[in-house]
Amino acid sequence: MPQSLVDREDPRPLHKQVYEALLTSIRNGKLPLRGKLPSERELVDLFDVSRITIRHAIRELVQQGVVTSQPGKGLYVAEHSGGFELQVLKSFTATAISNGRVPGHRLIEARVLRAPLEISRPLFLPPGADVVVLSRLRLLDEIPVVIQTDWLPAARVPGLLDLDWTVGNRSLYAELRQHHHIHPSRGQTTLSARLASADEAEMLGLHSPAAVLTVDQIAFDNRNRPVNLTALVHHPQRYPLTLAQSETGDIAQY
């Protein structure tokens, strides 16, 4: 990597300048995917800054999922695709695996509750009907990227909560297909953005105030019955979305 000196007349903090210089070197290929970063001592000499400044910049790169730390070996550029294709019928687990990433999750909540109108109505349920709510912090290569909450009609998924949802790569759609014979066949998605709540920012490793991408989806089976209602809160840098389109309406990943 060619030398990139910080500018002490620049109003940006030194760690931010180091972070952006390293990020630029990664994005333009000077630091290749899976390539090893210079050592901390080398970076101190390269940028002529303190170890604390280097560590602050590296911490940001790790939090963004751009760099991974391999204990005893050093820091490496994480392997990323340009983004993750937006598909309502493809699970997070399947998407991660198809992109060469390791899926995982941390369980936030799993219980049955009486659905409020904003949940019962899109699921075609009477007010106050029981729904299963499953909320998880989704991980890629052990890095938090998405907060996902699913609501499902409880009557259609008996025993779903008897499964161990602390297992790191359990797929909801795989369980629905294999154990409940429920096969999502179509769906719809709404995209938006807003500021993260304090809890969301903490779980996703964002510094408040921070914007998040929100994805609201509903899936239907081949009899047009709602399968699940999903709300996702995306870390905008760690889990970018892509949508491939064509004049004919055919969609394929690019």
Protein backbone atom coordinates (compact mmCIF):
# COMPACT_ATOMS: atom_id res chain seq x y z
CA MET A 1 0.00 0.00 0.00
CA PRO A 2 1.49 3.35 -0.97
CA GLN A 3 2.09 5.83 1.81
CA SER A 4 -0.93 7.98 2.68
CA LEU A 5 -0.04 10.71 5.15
CA VAL A 6 -2.65 12.39 7.29
CA ASP A 7 -3.17 16.12 7.00
CA ARG A 8 -2.97 17.82 10.36
CA GLU A 9 -4.63 20.91 8.90
CA ASP A 10 -7.65 18.80 7.98
CA PRO A 11 -10.56 19.37 10.41
CA ARG A 12 -11.36 15.64 10.41
CA PRO A 13 -10.00 13.66 13.38
CA LEU A 14 -6.78 11.79 12.67
CA HIS A 15 -8.38 8.37 13.22
CA LYS A 16 -11.07 9.26 10.67
CA GLN A 17 -8.43 10.18 8.10
CA VAL A 18 -6.60 6.89 8.71
CA TYR A 19 -9.90 4.97 8.51
CA GLU A 20 -10.85 6.60 5.21
CA ALA A 21 -7.38 6.11 3.72
CA LEU A 22 -7.42 2.41 4.57
CA LEU A 23 -10.99 2.07 3.31
CA THR A 24 -10.02 3.72 0.01
CA SER A 25 -7.07 1.34 -0.36
CA ILE A 26 -9.42 -1.60 0.20
CA ARG A 27 -12.06 -0.38 -2.22
CA ASN A 28 -9.59 0.36 -5.02
CA GLY A 29 -7.91 -3.02 -4.61
CA LYS A 30 -4.56 -1.84 -3.27
CA LEU A 31 -5.44 -3.92 -0.21
CA PRO A 32 -7.05 -6.98 -1.86
CA LEU A 33 -9.83 -9.18 -0.51
CA ARG A 34 -8.47 -11.62 2.07
CA GLY A 35 -5.23 -9.63 2.01
CA LYS A 36 -3.38 -8.96 5.23
CA LEU A 37 -3.17 -5.42 6.55
CA PRO A 38 0.20 -4.01 7.66
CA SER A 39 0.96 -4.52 11.33
CA GLU A 40 0.01 -1.92 13.91
CA ARG A 41 3.64 -0.79 14.15
CA GLU A 42 3.86 -0.47 10.36
CA LEU A 43 0.66 1.58 10.26
CA VAL A 44 1.96 3.87 13.01
CA ASP A 45 5.09 4.51 10.94
CA LEU A 46 3.13 4.79 7.69
CA PHE A 47 0.71 7.44 8.93
CA ASP A 48 2.99 8.99 11.57
CA VAL A 49 0.28 8.84 14.23
CA SER A 50 -0.11 7.22 17.63
CA ARG A 51 -1.06 3.61 18.31
CA ILE A 52 -4.33 4.84 19.84
CA THR A 53 -5.22 6.58 16.56
CA ILE A 54 -4.47 3.43 14.55
CA ARG A 55 -6.46 1.25 16.94
CA HIS A 56 -9.44 3.62 16.73
CA ALA A 57 -9.38 3.51 12.93
CA ILE A 58 -9.02 -0.28 12.85
CA ARG A 59 -11.85 -0.66 15.35
CA GLU A 60 -14.14 1.24 12.98
CA LEU A 61 -13.14 -0.98 10.06
CA VAL A 62 -13.84 -4.09 12.13
CA GLN A 63 -17.20 -2.72 13.31
CA GLN A 64 -18.15 -2.02 9.70
CA GLY A 65 -17.30 -5.61 8.77
CA VAL A 66 -14.63 -4.43 6.30
CA VAL A 67 -11.75 -5.98 8.24
CA THR A 68 -11.64 -9.16 10.30
CA SER A 69 -9.23 -10.04 13.08
CA GLN A 70 -7.65 -13.48 13.13
CA PRO A 71 -6.11 -14.04 16.58
CA GLY A 72 -2.40 -14.73 16.37
CA LYS A 73 -2.31 -13.92 12.66
CA GLY A 74 -3.37 -10.30 12.22
CA LEU A 75 -5.96 -8.25 10.39
CA TYR A 76 -7.37 -9.24 7.01
CA VAL A 77 -9.66 -7.60 4.47
CA ALA A 78 -13.06 -9.30 4.70
CA GLU A 79 -14.44 -10.94 1.58
CA HIS A 80 -17.63 -9.22 0.47
CA SER A 81 -19.86 -9.28 -2.53
CA GLY A 82 -21.06 -5.91 -3.82
CA GLY A 83 -24.30 -6.40 -1.93
CA PHE A 84 -26.98 -8.91 -1.02
CA GLU A 85 -29.80 -9.52 -3.45
CA LEU A 86 -33.19 -8.50 -2.14
CA GLN A 87 -35.49 -11.53 -2.22
CA VAL A 88 -38.56 -12.04 -0.07
CA LEU A 89 -38.58 -15.83 -0.45
CA LYS A 90 -34.88 -16.48 0.21
CA SER A 91 -33.87 -16.79 3.84
CA PHE A 92 -31.05 -14.85 5.45
CA THR A 93 -29.26 -18.18 6.01
CA ALA A 94 -29.48 -19.20 2.35
CA THR A 95 -28.44 -15.73 1.18
CA ALA A 96 -25.40 -15.72 3.44
CA ILE A 97 -24.26 -19.16 2.34
CA SER A 98 -24.71 -18.33 -1.35
CA ASN A 99 -22.45 -15.31 -0.81
CA GLY A 100 -19.76 -17.41 0.83
CA ARG A 101 -20.46 -16.00 4.29
CA VAL A 102 -21.12 -17.76 7.60
CA PRO A 103 -24.65 -17.05 8.93
CA GLY A 104 -25.51 -16.89 12.58
CA HIS A 105 -27.82 -15.20 15.04
CA ARG A 106 -28.43 -14.26 18.63
CA LEU A 107 -31.92 -14.80 19.95
CA ILE A 108 -33.66 -11.65 21.18
CA GLU A 109 -37.21 -12.92 21.73
CA ALA A 110 -39.32 -16.02 21.04
CA ARG A 111 -42.85 -16.20 22.40
CA VAL A 112 -46.56 -16.29 21.63
CA LEU A 113 -48.59 -13.11 22.03
CA ARG A 114 -51.93 -11.64 21.09
CA ALA A 115 -51.41 -9.71 17.91
CA PRO A 116 -52.17 -5.99 17.71
CA LEU A 117 -54.11 -4.83 14.66
CA GLU A 118 -50.99 -3.82 12.72
CA ILE A 119 -49.85 -7.45 12.90
CA SER A 120 -53.16 -9.36 12.73
CA ARG A 121 -54.52 -7.40 9.76
CA PRO A 122 -51.77 -8.20 7.19
CA LEU A 123 -51.74 -11.83 8.41
CA PHE A 124 -55.52 -12.06 7.74
CA LEU A 125 -56.16 -12.91 11.40
CA PRO A 126 -58.95 -11.74 13.70
CA PRO A 127 -57.97 -9.04 16.21
CA GLY A 128 -56.20 -10.48 19.23
CA ALA A 129 -55.33 -13.79 17.54
CA ASP A 130 -52.25 -15.60 18.80
CA VAL A 131 -49.07 -15.12 16.82
CA VAL A 132 -45.56 -16.45 17.25
CA VAL A 133 -42.99 -13.66 17.41
CA LEU A 134 -39.38 -14.56 16.71
CA SER A 135 -36.80 -11.80 16.96
CA ARG A 136 -33.12 -12.35 16.22
CA LEU A 137 -29.93 -10.38 15.72
CA ARG A 138 -28.55 -11.81 12.48
CA LEU A 139 -24.80 -12.23 12.06
CA LEU A 140 -22.43 -12.58 9.11
CA ASP A 141 -19.08 -14.08 10.07
CA GLU A 142 -20.04 -13.31 13.70
CA ILE A 143 -20.61 -9.61 12.92
CA PRO A 144 -24.10 -8.14 13.65
CA VAL A 145 -25.77 -6.93 10.45
CA VAL A 146 -29.57 -7.16 10.75
CA ILE A 147 -32.25 -7.18 13.44
CA GLN A 148 -35.00 -9.47 12.18
CA THR A 149 -38.44 -9.93 13.71
CA ASP A 150 -40.96 -12.40 12.29
CA TRP A 151 -44.64 -12.83 13.19
CA LEU A 152 -46.46 -16.04 12.19
CA PRO A 153 -50.02 -17.29 12.82
CA ALA A 154 -49.57 -19.52 15.87
CA ALA A 155 -52.23 -21.99 14.72
CA ARG A 156 -50.20 -22.81 11.59
CA VAL A 157 -46.87 -23.45 13.33
CA PRO A 158 -47.48 -25.64 16.41
CA GLY A 159 -44.25 -26.60 18.12
CA LEU A 160 -42.18 -23.95 16.36
CA LEU A 161 -41.01 -22.48 19.65
CA ASP A 162 -40.08 -25.93 20.98
CA LEU A 163 -37.07 -25.78 18.65
CA ASP A 164 -33.78 -24.46 19.98
CA TRP A 165 -33.62 -21.01 18.41
CA THR A 166 -30.30 -20.29 20.08
CA VAL A 167 -28.69 -22.49 17.40
CA GLY A 168 -26.66 -20.07 15.34
CA ASN A 169 -27.68 -21.01 11.80
CA ARG A 170 -31.26 -22.30 12.14
CA SER A 171 -33.36 -21.17 9.18
CA LEU A 172 -37.00 -20.28 9.76
CA TYR A 173 -38.01 -21.02 6.16
CA ALA A 174 -36.23 -24.38 6.24
CA GLU A 175 -38.15 -25.31 9.39
CA LEU A 176 -41.47 -24.19 7.88
CA ARG A 177 -40.89 -26.30 4.78
CA GLN A 178 -39.58 -29.40 6.53
CA HIS A 179 -41.76 -29.59 9.62
CA HIS A 180 -44.92 -27.62 8.83
CA HIS A 181 -45.17 -28.23 5.06
CA ILE A 182 -45.51 -24.50 4.50
CA HIS A 183 -43.95 -23.32 1.24
CA PRO A 184 -43.75 -19.56 0.68
CA SER A 185 -44.35 -18.87 -3.00
CA ARG A 186 -44.70 -15.11 -3.39
CA GLY A 187 -44.32 -11.96 -1.37
CA GLN A 188 -43.98 -8.21 -1.28
CA THR A 189 -41.39 -5.85 0.17
CA THR A 190 -41.40 -2.25 1.35
CA LEU A 191 -38.13 -0.36 1.80
CA SER A 192 -37.61 2.70 3.95
CA ALA A 193 -35.07 4.37 6.20
CA ARG A 194 -35.11 6.04 9.59
CA LEU A 195 -32.94 6.81 12.58
CA ALA A 196 -32.01 3.82 14.73
CA SER A 197 -33.32 3.58 18.26
CA ALA A 198 -30.77 3.47 21.07
CA ASP A 199 -31.24 -0.32 21.43
CA GLU A 200 -30.93 -0.90 17.68
CA ALA A 201 -27.78 1.21 17.45
CA GLU A 202 -26.21 -0.71 20.32
CA MET A 203 -27.03 -4.13 18.86
CA LEU A 204 -25.77 -3.19 15.39
CA GLY A 205 -22.67 -1.36 16.60
CA LEU A 206 -23.74 2.03 15.25
CA HIS A 207 -22.87 5.41 16.73
CA SER A 208 -26.03 7.44 17.43
CA PRO A 209 -27.53 9.27 15.71
CA ALA A 210 -27.38 6.71 12.91
CA ALA A 211 -29.60 5.84 9.98
CA VAL A 212 -30.80 2.31 9.32
CA LEU A 213 -32.42 0.71 6.30
CA THR A 214 -35.76 -0.89 7.12
CA VAL A 215 -37.25 -3.73 5.10
CA ASP A 216 -40.83 -4.86 5.72
CA GLN A 217 -41.91 -8.06 4.00
CA ILE A 218 -44.84 -10.41 3.89
CA ALA A 219 -44.78 -13.86 2.29
CA PHE A 220 -47.72 -15.93 1.02
CA ASP A 221 -48.11 -19.61 0.21
CA ASN A 222 -49.52 -21.01 -3.05
CA ARG A 223 -53.07 -20.65 -1.66
CA ASN A 224 -52.47 -16.94 -1.01
CA ARG A 225 -52.43 -17.40 2.75
CA PRO A 226 -49.97 -15.18 4.65
CA VAL A 227 -47.00 -17.17 5.94
CA ASN A 228 -45.09 -14.58 7.93
CA LEU A 229 -44.72 -10.87 8.41
CA THR A 230 -41.10 -9.74 8.71
CA ALA A 231 -39.52 -6.49 9.87
CA LEU A 232 -35.79 -6.06 9.27
CA VAL A 233 -33.49 -3.31 10.48
CA HIS A 234 -30.30 -3.32 8.39
CA HIS A 235 -26.86 -1.97 9.15
CA PRO A 236 -26.51 0.07 5.93
CA GLN A 237 -22.80 -0.61 5.38
CA ARG A 238 -22.49 -4.19 6.60
CA TYR A 239 -25.57 -5.51 4.77
CA PRO A 240 -26.16 -3.46 1.61
CA LEU A 241 -28.94 -4.60 -0.70
CA THR A 242 -28.96 -4.92 -4.48
CA LEU A 243 -31.91 -5.29 -6.82
CA ALA A 244 -31.30 -6.56 -10.34
CA GLN A 245 -33.86 -5.52 -12.94
CA SER A 246 -34.42 -5.88 -16.66
CA GLU A 247 -36.73 -4.40 -19.26
CA THR A 248 -38.71 -7.64 -19.41
CA GLY A 249 -39.19 -7.77 -15.64
CA ASP A 250 -36.92 -10.80 -15.18
CA ILE A 251 -34.75 -10.50 -12.09
CA ALA A 252 -31.38 -12.13 -11.72
CA GLN A 253 -28.44 -11.47 -9.45
CA TYR A 254 -25.61 -9.54 -11.04
